[in-house]
Amino acid sequence: MADRGRRGPAACEPGRARQPLRRRARDRRSLGVLDAHGRGAGRRTGAPRADARPDGAGVPGGPPRPQGPRPRRRRAGRRPRARRAARPDAPGARRLRPPGDRRRRACRRGDPRMISVIIPAHDEERYVGPTIAALRAATPFEVLVVANACRDRTAEVARAHGARVLSTPVRGVSNARNLGARASRGELLVFLDSDTVLAPGALDAIAAAVPARADYGTCRIRPDRTTLPAVLTATVLAWSHRLAGTSLGILFCTRALFERAGGFDERLHAGEDNDLNTCFRRLRARRIYLGQVAAHTSMRRFERLGYVRVHLAWLRGYFRPPPKYEVIR
């Protein structure tokens, strides 16, 4: 039976298929079809190829092997890597990223010379005007009023007093504060209630303390009326807020600390400032209480809900985290 699998010139010789296997294997090694160990060197058709070794001279009758080392093969689809410069200041040199640079890039940097006053307002056309008008400072500052689900003229009154107004249909003080913080430009954030009036020079005192001496803090709260329940309430608040780090109506912090803490928890309907203060403490942030800075706040909530009831609710929030719920929009 003739060898039909071989198509080379040797297959056409008469009596080729009757030769012993060892002789045929020796002849195949001479043609480069088998290696020295008898293994196949791959399927080859036509004339034998030159030796693949760099120093090989080629098979007899084949093309001569070019002199010199074998050229370095490059993987398909990739460009050759450029050699880097040895000096770090040379063109094309690799620049090392300083430690912590990735975290700093993740946080948006604000203007260190500007204060951003963020005021959440829900139907506060009666109080938002005097609050904005009382803001006076030598340090550059901006005022952002976040009108959340307002049905009155809160936005018009705020624009008339020179504030930048952001409107949102979602009601909630935490959502409004986070929205204002994202839209602000300053490095120092001051969260102020719409019914809280700062004393002259309060913003300058806050800018002098943060971030030089602290990362966040609050100031002294005074009532907007001189009744006995209001004065006693202000005294208790001054003592409790000095220990807790949060205050009724005002909270200031740096933008970097606010973004590291994740902002206000929008699932909370009460005690969101206490929850944020807990996050600040876990981050080992520096806290300050400015007793010489006064903020006059309205006592309307105490008079409407009752002084005892509001005090008990706040004390429960200081020593126990408030309940959380999912916001239904």
C-alpha atoms as a PDB file:
ATOM      1  CA  MET A   1       0.000   0.000   0.000  1.00  0.00           C
ATOM      2  CA  ALA A   2       1.437   3.341  -1.004  1.00  0.00           C
ATOM      3  CA  ASP A   3       1.989   6.199   1.482  1.00  0.00           C
ATOM      4  CA  ARG A   4      -0.752   8.642   0.474  1.00  0.00           C
ATOM      5  CA  GLY A   5      -0.218  11.060   3.380  1.00  0.00           C
ATOM      6  CA  ARG A   6       3.125  12.332   2.094  1.00  0.00           C
ATOM      7  CA  ARG A   7       3.031  14.889  -0.713  1.00  0.00           C
ATOM      8  CA  GLY A   8       6.742  15.704  -0.891  1.00  0.00           C
ATOM      9  CA  PRO A   9       9.168  14.558  -3.580  1.00  0.00           C
ATOM     10  CA  ALA A  10      10.240  11.547  -1.508  1.00  0.00           C
ATOM     11  CA  ALA A  11       6.718  10.105  -1.630  1.00  0.00           C
ATOM     12  CA  CYS A  12       6.908   9.694  -5.424  1.00  0.00           C
ATOM     13  CA  GLU A  13      10.005   7.458  -5.369  1.00  0.00           C
ATOM     14  CA  PRO A  14       9.289   3.799  -6.209  1.00  0.00           C
ATOM     15  CA  GLY A  15       9.457   1.432  -3.246  1.00  0.00           C
ATOM     16  CA  ARG A  16       9.446   4.219  -0.712  1.00  0.00           C
ATOM     17  CA  ALA A  17       6.553   2.801   1.314  1.00  0.00           C
ATOM     18  CA  ARG A  18       8.292  -0.604   1.668  1.00  0.00           C
ATOM     19  CA  GLN A  19      11.297   0.807   3.528  1.00  0.00           C
ATOM     20  CA  PRO A  20      11.624   0.085   7.283  1.00  0.00           C
ATOM     21  CA  LEU A  21      10.243   2.604   9.732  1.00  0.00           C
ATOM     22  CA  ARG A  22      13.649   3.435  11.247  1.00  0.00           C
ATOM     23  CA  ARG A  23      15.075   4.278   7.837  1.00  0.00           C
ATOM     24  CA  ARG A  24      12.110   6.440   6.956  1.00  0.00           C
ATOM     25  CA  ALA A  25      12.427   8.270  10.277  1.00  0.00           C
ATOM     26  CA  ARG A  26      16.136   8.888   9.612  1.00  0.00           C
ATOM     27  CA  ASP A  27      15.319  10.275   6.206  1.00  0.00           C
ATOM     28  CA  ARG A  28      12.648  12.520   7.672  1.00  0.00           C
ATOM     29  CA  ARG A  29      15.131  13.899  10.227  1.00  0.00           C
ATOM     30  CA  SER A  30      17.483  14.769   7.393  1.00  0.00           C
ATOM     31  CA  LEU A  31      14.703  16.777   5.767  1.00  0.00           C
ATOM     32  CA  GLY A  32      13.844  18.608   9.004  1.00  0.00           C
ATOM     33  CA  VAL A  33      10.462  16.923   9.446  1.00  0.00           C
ATOM     34  CA  LEU A  34      11.491  15.190  12.731  1.00  0.00           C
ATOM     35  CA  ASP A  35      13.794  16.421  15.453  1.00  0.00           C
ATOM     36  CA  ALA A  36      16.620  14.458  17.064  1.00  0.00           C
ATOM     37  CA  HIS A  37      14.219  12.741  19.506  1.00  0.00           C
ATOM     38  CA  GLY A  38      11.870  11.535  16.806  1.00  0.00           C
ATOM     39  CA  ARG A  39       9.128  14.070  17.520  1.00  0.00           C
ATOM     40  CA  GLY A  40       7.298  15.802  14.756  1.00  0.00           C
ATOM     41  CA  ALA A  41       8.397  19.316  13.920  1.00  0.00           C
ATOM     42  CA  GLY A  42       5.043  20.301  12.543  1.00  0.00           C
ATOM     43  CA  ARG A  43       3.303  19.785   9.253  1.00  0.00           C
ATOM     44  CA  ARG A  44       5.372  21.052   6.367  1.00  0.00           C
ATOM     45  CA  THR A  45       4.530  21.063   2.694  1.00  0.00           C
ATOM     46  CA  GLY A  46       6.678  21.862  -0.292  1.00  0.00           C
ATOM     47  CA  ALA A  47      10.405  22.575  -0.072  1.00  0.00           C
ATOM     48  CA  PRO A  48      12.115  22.340   3.339  1.00  0.00           C
ATOM     49  CA  ARG A  49      12.635  25.586   5.240  1.00  0.00           C
ATOM     50  CA  ALA A  50      15.820  27.032   6.635  1.00  0.00           C
ATOM     51  CA  ASP A  51      16.937  26.325  10.188  1.00  0.00           C
ATOM     52  CA  ALA A  52      15.106  28.433  12.757  1.00  0.00           C
ATOM     53  CA  ARG A  53      18.126  28.867  15.001  1.00  0.00           C
ATOM     54  CA  PRO A  54      19.938  32.213  14.795  1.00  0.00           C
ATOM     55  CA  ASP A  55      23.303  30.553  14.186  1.00  0.00           C
ATOM     56  CA  GLY A  56      22.009  27.942  11.724  1.00  0.00           C
ATOM     57  CA  ALA A  57      23.338  27.911   8.196  1.00  0.00           C
ATOM     58  CA  GLY A  58      20.156  26.510   6.649  1.00  0.00           C
ATOM     59  CA  VAL A  59      19.503  23.179   5.006  1.00  0.00           C
ATOM     60  CA  PRO A  60      21.453  22.210   1.905  1.00  0.00           C
ATOM     61  CA  GLY A  61      19.954  23.837  -1.095  1.00  0.00           C
ATOM     62  CA  GLY A  62      17.940  26.309   0.953  1.00  0.00           C
ATOM     63  CA  PRO A  63      18.354  30.073   1.318  1.00  0.00           C
ATOM     64  CA  PRO A  64      21.289  31.215   3.454  1.00  0.00           C
ATOM     65  CA  ARG A  65      20.560  32.252   7.054  1.00  0.00           C
ATOM     66  CA  PRO A  66      21.083  35.978   7.705  1.00  0.00           C
ATOM     67  CA  GLN A  67      23.902  36.797  10.072  1.00  0.00           C
ATOM     68  CA  GLY A  68      23.410  38.437  13.463  1.00  0.00           C
ATOM     69  CA  PRO A  69      21.071  37.764  16.393  1.00  0.00           C
ATOM     70  CA  ARG A  70      17.404  37.017  15.944  1.00  0.00           C
ATOM     71  CA  PRO A  71      15.261  40.178  16.010  1.00  0.00           C
ATOM     72  CA  ARG A  72      13.107  40.558  19.112  1.00  0.00           C
ATOM     73  CA  ARG A  73       9.533  39.540  18.432  1.00  0.00           C
ATOM     74  CA  ARG A  74       6.813  41.970  19.487  1.00  0.00           C
ATOM     75  CA  ARG A  75       3.377  40.943  20.693  1.00  0.00           C
ATOM     76  CA  ALA A  76       0.682  41.862  18.231  1.00  0.00           C
ATOM     77  CA  GLY A  77      -1.438  44.878  19.086  1.00  0.00           C
ATOM     78  CA  ARG A  78       1.101  46.601  21.361  1.00  0.00           C
ATOM     79  CA  ARG A  79       3.599  49.322  20.713  1.00  0.00           C
ATOM     80  CA  PRO A  80       7.190  48.967  21.872  1.00  0.00           C
ATOM     81  CA  ARG A  81       7.760  50.403  25.333  1.00  0.00           C
ATOM     82  CA  ALA A  82       9.648  53.669  25.360  1.00  0.00           C
ATOM     83  CA  ARG A  83      12.703  53.906  27.568  1.00  0.00           C
ATOM     84  CA  ARG A  84      12.161  56.174  30.564  1.00  0.00           C
ATOM     85  CA  ALA A  85      14.535  58.940  31.420  1.00  0.00           C
ATOM     86  CA  ALA A  86      16.819  58.451  34.393  1.00  0.00           C
ATOM     87  CA  ARG A  87      16.388  61.931  35.843  1.00  0.00           C
ATOM     88  CA  PRO A  88      12.986  62.783  37.372  1.00  0.00           C
ATOM     89  CA  ASP A  89      13.080  66.304  35.944  1.00  0.00           C
ATOM     90  CA  ALA A  90      13.912  65.186  32.413  1.00  0.00           C
ATOM     91  CA  PRO A  91      11.255  65.166  29.671  1.00  0.00           C
ATOM     92  CA  GLY A  92       9.369  61.891  29.685  1.00  0.00           C
ATOM     93  CA  ALA A  93      10.401  60.973  33.207  1.00  0.00           C
ATOM     94  CA  ARG A  94       7.891  59.229  35.446  1.00  0.00           C
ATOM     95  CA  ARG A  95       6.468  61.410  38.182  1.00  0.00           C
ATOM     96  CA  LEU A  96       5.619  59.709  41.447  1.00  0.00           C
ATOM     97  CA  ARG A  97       2.300  60.560  43.112  1.00  0.00           C
ATOM     98  CA  PRO A  98       2.693  61.843  46.677  1.00  0.00           C
ATOM     99  CA  PRO A  99       1.081  59.782  49.473  1.00  0.00           C
ATOM    100  CA  GLY A 100      -2.598  60.506  49.940  1.00  0.00           C
ATOM    101  CA  ASP A 101      -2.941  62.299  46.619  1.00  0.00           C
ATOM    102  CA  ARG A 102      -5.700  59.954  45.425  1.00  0.00           C
ATOM    103  CA  ARG A 103      -7.875  60.790  48.415  1.00  0.00           C
ATOM    104  CA  ARG A 104      -7.295  64.481  47.880  1.00  0.00           C
ATOM    105  CA  ARG A 105      -8.264  64.182  44.231  1.00  0.00           C
ATOM    106  CA  ALA A 106     -11.516  62.394  45.167  1.00  0.00           C
ATOM    107  CA  CYS A 107     -12.636  65.358  47.285  1.00  0.00           C
ATOM    108  CA  ARG A 108     -13.496  68.480  45.325  1.00  0.00           C
ATOM    109  CA  ARG A 109     -11.384  71.366  46.577  1.00  0.00           C
ATOM    110  CA  GLY A 110     -13.150  74.635  47.316  1.00  0.00           C
ATOM    111  CA  ASP A 111     -11.897  78.192  47.475  1.00  0.00           C
ATOM    112  CA  PRO A 112      -9.957  78.527  50.761  1.00  0.00           C
ATOM    113  CA  ARG A 113     -10.702  82.270  50.863  1.00  0.00           C
ATOM    114  CA  MET A 114     -14.487  81.885  50.656  1.00  0.00           C
ATOM    115  CA  ILE A 115     -17.178  80.890  53.160  1.00  0.00           C
ATOM    116  CA  SER A 116     -20.277  79.114  51.900  1.00  0.00           C
ATOM    117  CA  VAL A 117     -23.374  79.757  54.026  1.00  0.00           C
ATOM    118  CA  ILE A 118     -26.011  77.107  53.279  1.00  0.00           C
ATOM    119  CA  ILE A 119     -29.570  77.821  54.448  1.00  0.00           C
ATOM    120  CA  PRO A 120     -32.283  75.157  54.013  1.00  0.00           C
ATOM    121  CA  ALA A 121     -35.753  76.696  53.869  1.00  0.00           C
ATOM    122  CA  HIS A 122     -39.248  75.252  53.720  1.00  0.00           C
ATOM    123  CA  ASP A 123     -41.928  77.959  53.571  1.00  0.00           C
ATOM    124  CA  GLU A 124     -39.711  80.483  55.381  1.00  0.00           C
ATOM    125  CA  GLU A 125     -40.503  83.735  53.584  1.00  0.00           C
ATOM    126  CA  ARG A 126     -40.996  85.445  56.942  1.00  0.00           C
ATOM    127  CA  TYR A 127     -37.588  84.527  58.430  1.00  0.00           C
ATOM    128  CA  VAL A 128     -35.186  84.014  55.518  1.00  0.00           C
ATOM    129  CA  GLY A 129     -34.915  87.724  54.694  1.00  0.00           C
ATOM    130  CA  PRO A 130     -33.589  88.916  58.106  1.00  0.00           C
ATOM    131  CA  THR A 131     -31.261  85.895  58.274  1.00  0.00           C
ATOM    132  CA  ILE A 132     -29.568  86.816  54.996  1.00  0.00           C
ATOM    133  CA  ALA A 133     -29.498  90.544  55.763  1.00  0.00           C
ATOM    134  CA  ALA A 134     -27.608  89.950  59.027  1.00  0.00           C
ATOM    135  CA  LEU A 135     -24.692  88.213  57.308  1.00  0.00           C
ATOM    136  CA  ARG A 136     -21.783  90.650  57.290  1.00  0.00           C
ATOM    137  CA  ALA A 137     -18.103  89.702  57.095  1.00  0.00           C
ATOM    138  CA  ALA A 138     -14.779  90.961  55.825  1.00  0.00           C
ATOM    139  CA  THR A 139     -14.047  87.476  54.483  1.00  0.00           C
ATOM    140  CA  PRO A 140     -15.611  86.743  51.066  1.00  0.00           C
ATOM    141  CA  PHE A 141     -18.683  84.585  51.434  1.00  0.00           C
ATOM    142  CA  GLU A 142     -21.623  83.305  49.423  1.00  0.00           C
ATOM    143  CA  VAL A 143     -25.176  82.524  50.507  1.00  0.00           C
ATOM    144  CA  LEU A 144     -27.076  79.547  49.124  1.00  0.00           C
ATOM    145  CA  VAL A 145     -30.739  79.119  50.005  1.00  0.00           C
ATOM    146  CA  VAL A 146     -32.146  75.672  49.216  1.00  0.00           C
ATOM    147  CA  ALA A 147     -35.918  75.977  48.877  1.00  0.00           C
ATOM    148  CA  ASN A 148     -37.253  72.472  49.455  1.00  0.00           C
ATOM    149  CA  ALA A 149     -40.905  71.887  48.524  1.00  0.00           C
ATOM    150  CA  CYS A 150     -41.835  75.528  49.167  1.00  0.00           C
ATOM    151  CA  ARG A 151     -45.352  76.784  48.531  1.00  0.00           C
ATOM    152  CA  ASP A 152     -44.774  80.435  49.431  1.00  0.00           C
ATOM    153  CA  ARG A 153     -42.430  83.210  48.262  1.00  0.00           C
ATOM    154  CA  THR A 154     -39.287  81.910  49.967  1.00  0.00           C
ATOM    155  CA  ALA A 155     -37.275  81.784  46.739  1.00  0.00           C
ATOM    156  CA  GLU A 156     -38.303  85.292  45.657  1.00  0.00           C
ATOM    157  CA  VAL A 157     -37.427  86.806  49.035  1.00  0.00           C
ATOM    158  CA  ALA A 158     -34.034  85.072  49.079  1.00  0.00           C
ATOM    159  CA  ARG A 159     -33.156  86.317  45.596  1.00  0.00           C
ATOM    160  CA  ALA A 160     -34.191  89.836  46.550  1.00  0.00           C
ATOM    161  CA  HIS A 161     -31.603  89.760  49.367  1.00  0.00           C
ATOM    162  CA  GLY A 162     -28.815  88.637  47.033  1.00  0.00           C
ATOM    163  CA  ALA A 163     -28.742  84.903  47.753  1.00  0.00           C
ATOM    164  CA  ARG A 164     -28.323  82.127  45.223  1.00  0.00           C
ATOM    165  CA  VAL A 165     -31.429  79.958  45.289  1.00  0.00           C
ATOM    166  CA  LEU A 166     -31.629  76.235  44.602  1.00  0.00           C
ATOM    167  CA  SER A 167     -35.053  74.621  44.350  1.00  0.00           C
ATOM    168  CA  THR A 168     -35.892  70.968  44.948  1.00  0.00           C
ATOM    169  CA  PRO A 169     -39.267  69.218  45.159  1.00  0.00           C
ATOM    170  CA  VAL A 170     -37.966  66.837  47.841  1.00  0.00           C
ATOM    171  CA  ARG A 171     -38.763  67.955  51.362  1.00  0.00           C
ATOM    172  CA  GLY A 172     -36.161  67.379  54.051  1.00  0.00           C
ATOM    173  CA  VAL A 173     -33.487  69.410  55.777  1.00  0.00           C
ATOM    174  CA  SER A 174     -30.747  66.791  55.246  1.00  0.00           C
ATOM    175  CA  ASN A 175     -31.375  66.576  51.518  1.00  0.00           C
ATOM    176  CA  ALA A 176     -31.409  70.379  51.240  1.00  0.00           C
ATOM    177  CA  ARG A 177     -28.108  70.750  53.099  1.00  0.00           C
ATOM    178  CA  ASN A 178     -26.374  68.121  50.995  1.00  0.00           C
ATOM    179  CA  LEU A 179     -27.660  69.757  47.824  1.00  0.00           C
ATOM    180  CA  GLY A 180     -26.361  73.132  48.938  1.00  0.00           C
ATOM    181  CA  ALA A 181     -22.971  71.688  49.896  1.00  0.00           C
ATOM    182  CA  ARG A 182     -22.522  70.152  46.448  1.00  0.00           C
ATOM    183  CA  ALA A 183     -23.360  73.438  44.740  1.00  0.00           C
ATOM    184  CA  SER A 184     -21.186  75.614  47.005  1.00  0.00           C
ATOM    185  CA  ARG A 185     -17.721  76.907  46.137  1.00  0.00           C
ATOM    186  CA  GLY A 186     -16.106  77.650  49.499  1.00  0.00           C
ATOM    187  CA  GLU A 187     -13.798  75.451  51.532  1.00  0.00           C
ATOM    188  CA  LEU A 188     -15.531  76.405  54.802  1.00  0.00           C
ATOM    189  CA  LEU A 189     -19.180  75.318  55.037  1.00  0.00           C
ATOM    190  CA  VAL A 190     -21.582  77.018  57.453  1.00  0.00           C
ATOM    191  CA  PHE A 191     -24.988  75.350  57.790  1.00  0.00           C
ATOM    192  CA  LEU A 192     -27.425  77.915  59.134  1.00  0.00           C
ATOM    193  CA  ASP A 193     -31.132  77.562  59.822  1.00  0.00           C
ATOM    194  CA  SER A 194     -33.480  80.002  58.136  1.00  0.00           C
ATOM    195  CA  ASP A 195     -34.704  81.380  61.502  1.00  0.00           C
ATOM    196  CA  THR A 196     -31.217  81.880  63.030  1.00  0.00           C
ATOM    197  CA  VAL A 197     -29.545  85.303  62.901  1.00  0.00           C
ATOM    198  CA  LEU A 198     -25.778  85.578  63.382  1.00  0.00           C
ATOM    199  CA  ALA A 199     -24.216  88.434  65.319  1.00  0.00           C
ATOM    200  CA  PRO A 200     -21.930  90.904  63.482  1.00  0.00           C
ATOM    201  CA  GLY A 201     -18.450  89.467  62.999  1.00  0.00           C
ATOM    202  CA  ALA A 202     -19.531  85.859  63.492  1.00  0.00           C
ATOM    203  CA  LEU A 203     -18.348  84.698  60.076  1.00  0.00           C
ATOM    204  CA  ASP A 204     -14.947  86.328  60.562  1.00  0.00           C
ATOM    205  CA  ALA A 205     -14.528  84.566  63.920  1.00  0.00           C
ATOM    206  CA  ILE A 206     -15.458  81.234  62.363  1.00  0.00           C
ATOM    207  CA  ALA A 207     -13.019  81.759  59.479  1.00  0.00           C
ATOM    208  CA  ALA A 208     -10.232  82.559  61.949  1.00  0.00           C
ATOM    209  CA  ALA A 209     -10.842  79.343  63.911  1.00  0.00           C
ATOM    210  CA  VAL A 210     -11.373  76.881  61.046  1.00  0.00           C
ATOM    211  CA  PRO A 211      -9.223  75.232  59.817  1.00  0.00           C
ATOM    212  CA  ALA A 212      -6.377  76.781  61.807  1.00  0.00           C
ATOM    213  CA  ARG A 213      -7.579  75.558  65.218  1.00  0.00           C
ATOM    214  CA  ALA A 214     -10.327  73.036  64.454  1.00  0.00           C
ATOM    215  CA  ASP A 215     -12.099  71.125  61.700  1.00  0.00           C
ATOM    216  CA  TYR A 216     -15.695  71.694  62.817  1.00  0.00           C
ATOM    217  CA  GLY A 217     -17.656  73.268  65.621  1.00  0.00           C
ATOM    218  CA  THR A 218     -20.539  75.436  66.716  1.00  0.00           C
ATOM    219  CA  CYS A 219     -21.202  78.629  68.671  1.00  0.00           C
ATOM    220  CA  ARG A 220     -23.369  79.982  71.481  1.00  0.00           C
ATOM    221  CA  ILE A 221     -27.151  80.006  70.983  1.00  0.00           C
ATOM    222  CA  ARG A 222     -29.331  82.805  72.339  1.00  0.00           C
ATOM    223  CA  PRO A 223     -33.140  83.038  72.159  1.00  0.00           C
ATOM    224  CA  ASP A 224     -34.913  85.707  70.168  1.00  0.00           C
ATOM    225  CA  ARG A 225     -37.088  86.599  73.194  1.00  0.00           C
ATOM    226  CA  THR A 226     -36.457  87.231  76.886  1.00  0.00           C
ATOM    227  CA  THR A 227     -39.154  85.109  78.500  1.00  0.00           C
ATOM    228  CA  LEU A 228     -38.166  82.876  81.424  1.00  0.00           C
ATOM    229  CA  PRO A 229     -38.683  79.550  79.593  1.00  0.00           C
ATOM    230  CA  ALA A 230     -36.689  80.844  76.639  1.00  0.00           C
ATOM    231  CA  VAL A 231     -33.767  82.029  78.801  1.00  0.00           C
ATOM    232  CA  LEU A 232     -33.651  78.723  80.696  1.00  0.00           C
ATOM    233  CA  THR A 233     -33.750  76.823  77.434  1.00  0.00           C
ATOM    234  CA  ALA A 234     -30.856  78.839  76.026  1.00  0.00           C
ATOM    235  CA  THR A 235     -28.820  78.160  79.183  1.00  0.00           C
ATOM    236  CA  VAL A 236     -29.409  74.424  78.959  1.00  0.00           C
ATOM    237  CA  LEU A 237     -28.606  74.422  75.253  1.00  0.00           C
ATOM    238  CA  ALA A 238     -25.344  76.297  75.821  1.00  0.00           C
ATOM    239  CA  TRP A 239     -24.242  73.647  78.320  1.00  0.00           C
ATOM    240  CA  SER A 240     -25.352  70.623  76.295  1.00  0.00           C
ATOM    241  CA  HIS A 241     -24.032  71.859  72.966  1.00  0.00           C
ATOM    242  CA  ARG A 242     -20.654  72.599  74.518  1.00  0.00           C
ATOM    243  CA  LEU A 243     -20.352  68.885  75.338  1.00  0.00           C
ATOM    244  CA  ALA A 244     -22.059  67.420  72.286  1.00  0.00           C
ATOM    245  CA  GLY A 245     -20.363  69.564  69.633  1.00  0.00           C
ATOM    246  CA  THR A 246     -23.589  70.396  67.811  1.00  0.00           C
ATOM    247  CA  SER A 247     -25.848  73.366  68.264  1.00  0.00           C
ATOM    248  CA  LEU A 248     -29.352  74.439  67.454  1.00  0.00           C
ATOM    249  CA  GLY A 249     -29.403  76.402  64.222  1.00  0.00           C
ATOM    250  CA  ILE A 250     -25.727  76.443  63.176  1.00  0.00           C
ATOM    251  CA  LEU A 251     -22.932  74.020  62.367  1.00  0.00           C
ATOM    252  CA  PHE A 252     -19.689  74.755  60.506  1.00  0.00           C
ATOM    253  CA  CYS A 253     -16.981  72.436  59.164  1.00  0.00           C
ATOM    254  CA  THR A 254     -14.434  72.102  56.405  1.00  0.00           C
ATOM    255  CA  ARG A 255     -15.422  70.713  53.039  1.00  0.00           C
ATOM    256  CA  ALA A 256     -12.851  67.914  53.243  1.00  0.00           C
ATOM    257  CA  LEU A 257     -14.256  66.687  56.560  1.00  0.00           C
ATOM    258  CA  PHE A 258     -17.834  66.942  55.327  1.00  0.00           C
ATOM    259  CA  GLU A 259     -17.102  64.827  52.258  1.00  0.00           C
ATOM    260  CA  ARG A 260     -15.146  62.254  54.247  1.00  0.00           C
ATOM    261  CA  ALA A 261     -18.111  61.831  56.602  1.00  0.00           C
ATOM    262  CA  GLY A 262     -20.517  61.428  53.684  1.00  0.00           C
ATOM    263  CA  GLY A 263     -22.684  64.460  54.468  1.00  0.00           C
ATOM    264  CA  PHE A 264     -25.992  64.419  56.290  1.00  0.00           C
ATOM    265  CA  ASP A 265     -27.966  61.198  56.425  1.00  0.00           C
ATOM    266  CA  GLU A 266     -31.031  61.855  54.291  1.00  0.00           C
ATOM    267  CA  ARG A 267     -32.919  58.977  55.938  1.00  0.00           C
ATOM    268  CA  LEU A 268     -33.121  60.883  59.229  1.00  0.00           C
ATOM    269  CA  HIS A 269     -36.060  63.142  59.966  1.00  0.00           C
ATOM    270  CA  ALA A 270     -34.585  64.357  63.294  1.00  0.00           C
ATOM    271  CA  GLY A 271     -31.146  64.458  64.892  1.00  0.00           C
ATOM    272  CA  GLU A 272     -29.266  64.627  61.613  1.00  0.00           C
ATOM    273  CA  ASP A 273     -26.751  67.077  63.088  1.00  0.00           C
ATOM    274  CA  ASN A 274     -26.066  64.732  66.003  1.00  0.00           C
ATOM    275  CA  ASP A 275     -25.536  61.847  63.583  1.00  0.00           C
ATOM    276  CA  LEU A 276     -23.044  63.894  61.560  1.00  0.00           C
ATOM    277  CA  ASN A 277     -21.241  64.905  64.744  1.00  0.00           C
ATOM    278  CA  THR A 278     -20.849  61.208  65.589  1.00  0.00           C
ATOM    279  CA  CYS A 279     -19.206  60.653  62.205  1.00  0.00           C
ATOM    280  CA  PHE A 280     -16.847  63.556  62.856  1.00  0.00           C
ATOM    281  CA  ARG A 281     -15.794  62.051  66.168  1.00  0.00           C
ATOM    282  CA  ARG A 282     -15.081  58.692  64.570  1.00  0.00           C
ATOM    283  CA  LEU A 283     -12.818  60.457  62.093  1.00  0.00           C
ATOM    284  CA  ARG A 284     -10.890  62.031  65.013  1.00  0.00           C
ATOM    285  CA  ALA A 285     -11.660  65.541  63.791  1.00  0.00           C
ATOM    286  CA  ARG A 286     -10.812  68.596  65.881  1.00  0.00           C
ATOM    287  CA  ARG A 287     -13.804  70.314  67.482  1.00  0.00           C
ATOM    288  CA  ILE A 288     -14.252  73.847  68.775  1.00  0.00           C
ATOM    289  CA  TYR A 289     -16.984  75.699  70.633  1.00  0.00           C
ATOM    290  CA  LEU A 290     -17.010  79.461  70.044  1.00  0.00           C
ATOM    291  CA  GLY A 291     -18.658  80.836  73.153  1.00  0.00           C
ATOM    292  CA  GLN A 292     -17.941  84.454  72.191  1.00  0.00           C
ATOM    293  CA  VAL A 293     -19.906  84.106  68.931  1.00  0.00           C
ATOM    294  CA  ALA A 294     -23.665  84.454  69.362  1.00  0.00           C
ATOM    295  CA  ALA A 295     -26.430  83.138  67.146  1.00  0.00           C
ATOM    296  CA  HIS A 296     -29.991  84.259  67.895  1.00  0.00           C
ATOM    297  CA  THR A 297     -32.532  81.581  67.007  1.00  0.00           C
ATOM    298  CA  SER A 298     -36.312  81.481  67.062  1.00  0.00           C
ATOM    299  CA  MET A 299     -38.191  79.764  69.903  1.00  0.00           C
ATOM    300  CA  ARG A 300     -41.285  79.073  67.810  1.00  0.00           C
ATOM    301  CA  ARG A 301     -40.721  75.320  67.802  1.00  0.00           C
ATOM    302  CA  PHE A 302     -40.543  75.218  71.599  1.00  0.00           C
ATOM    303  CA  GLU A 303     -43.690  77.253  71.950  1.00  0.00           C
ATOM    304  CA  ARG A 304     -45.586  75.178  69.417  1.00  0.00           C
ATOM    305  CA  LEU A 305     -44.523  71.714  70.632  1.00  0.00           C
ATOM    306  CA  GLY A 306     -43.736  72.496  74.258  1.00  0.00           C
ATOM    307  CA  TYR A 307     -40.405  73.135  75.996  1.00  0.00           C
ATOM    308  CA  VAL A 308     -40.369  69.877  77.972  1.00  0.00           C
ATOM    309  CA  ARG A 309     -41.240  67.746  74.972  1.00  0.00           C
ATOM    310  CA  VAL A 310     -38.535  69.239  72.769  1.00  0.00           C
ATOM    311  CA  HIS A 311     -35.897  68.926  75.515  1.00  0.00           C
ATOM    312  CA  LEU A 312     -36.691  65.259  76.089  1.00  0.00           C
ATOM    313  CA  ALA A 313     -36.535  64.551  72.360  1.00  0.00           C
ATOM    314  CA  TRP A 314     -33.115  66.188  72.067  1.00  0.00           C
ATOM    315  CA  LEU A 315     -31.716  64.434  75.127  1.00  0.00           C
ATOM    316  CA  ARG A 316     -32.848  61.129  73.700  1.00  0.00           C
ATOM    317  CA  GLY A 317     -31.088  61.982  70.463  1.00  0.00           C
ATOM    318  CA  TYR A 318     -27.810  62.818  72.236  1.00  0.00           C
ATOM    319  CA  PHE A 319     -27.532  59.515  74.103  1.00  0.00           C
ATOM    320  CA  ARG A 320     -29.279  57.226  71.614  1.00  0.00           C
ATOM    321  CA  PRO A 321     -29.171  57.348  67.814  1.00  0.00           C
ATOM    322  CA  PRO A 322     -32.487  58.455  66.308  1.00  0.00           C
ATOM    323  CA  PRO A 323     -34.489  55.937  64.280  1.00  0.00           C
ATOM    324  CA  LYS A 324     -33.869  55.779  60.552  1.00  0.00           C
ATOM    325  CA  TYR A 325     -36.336  55.269  57.760  1.00  0.00           C
ATOM    326  CA  GLU A 326     -36.290  55.074  54.000  1.00  0.00           C
ATOM    327  CA  VAL A 327     -37.387  58.218  52.197  1.00  0.00           C
ATOM    328  CA  ILE A 328     -40.431  57.613  49.988  1.00  0.00           C
ATOM    329  CA  ARG A 329     -40.368  59.970  46.999  1.00  0.00           C
END
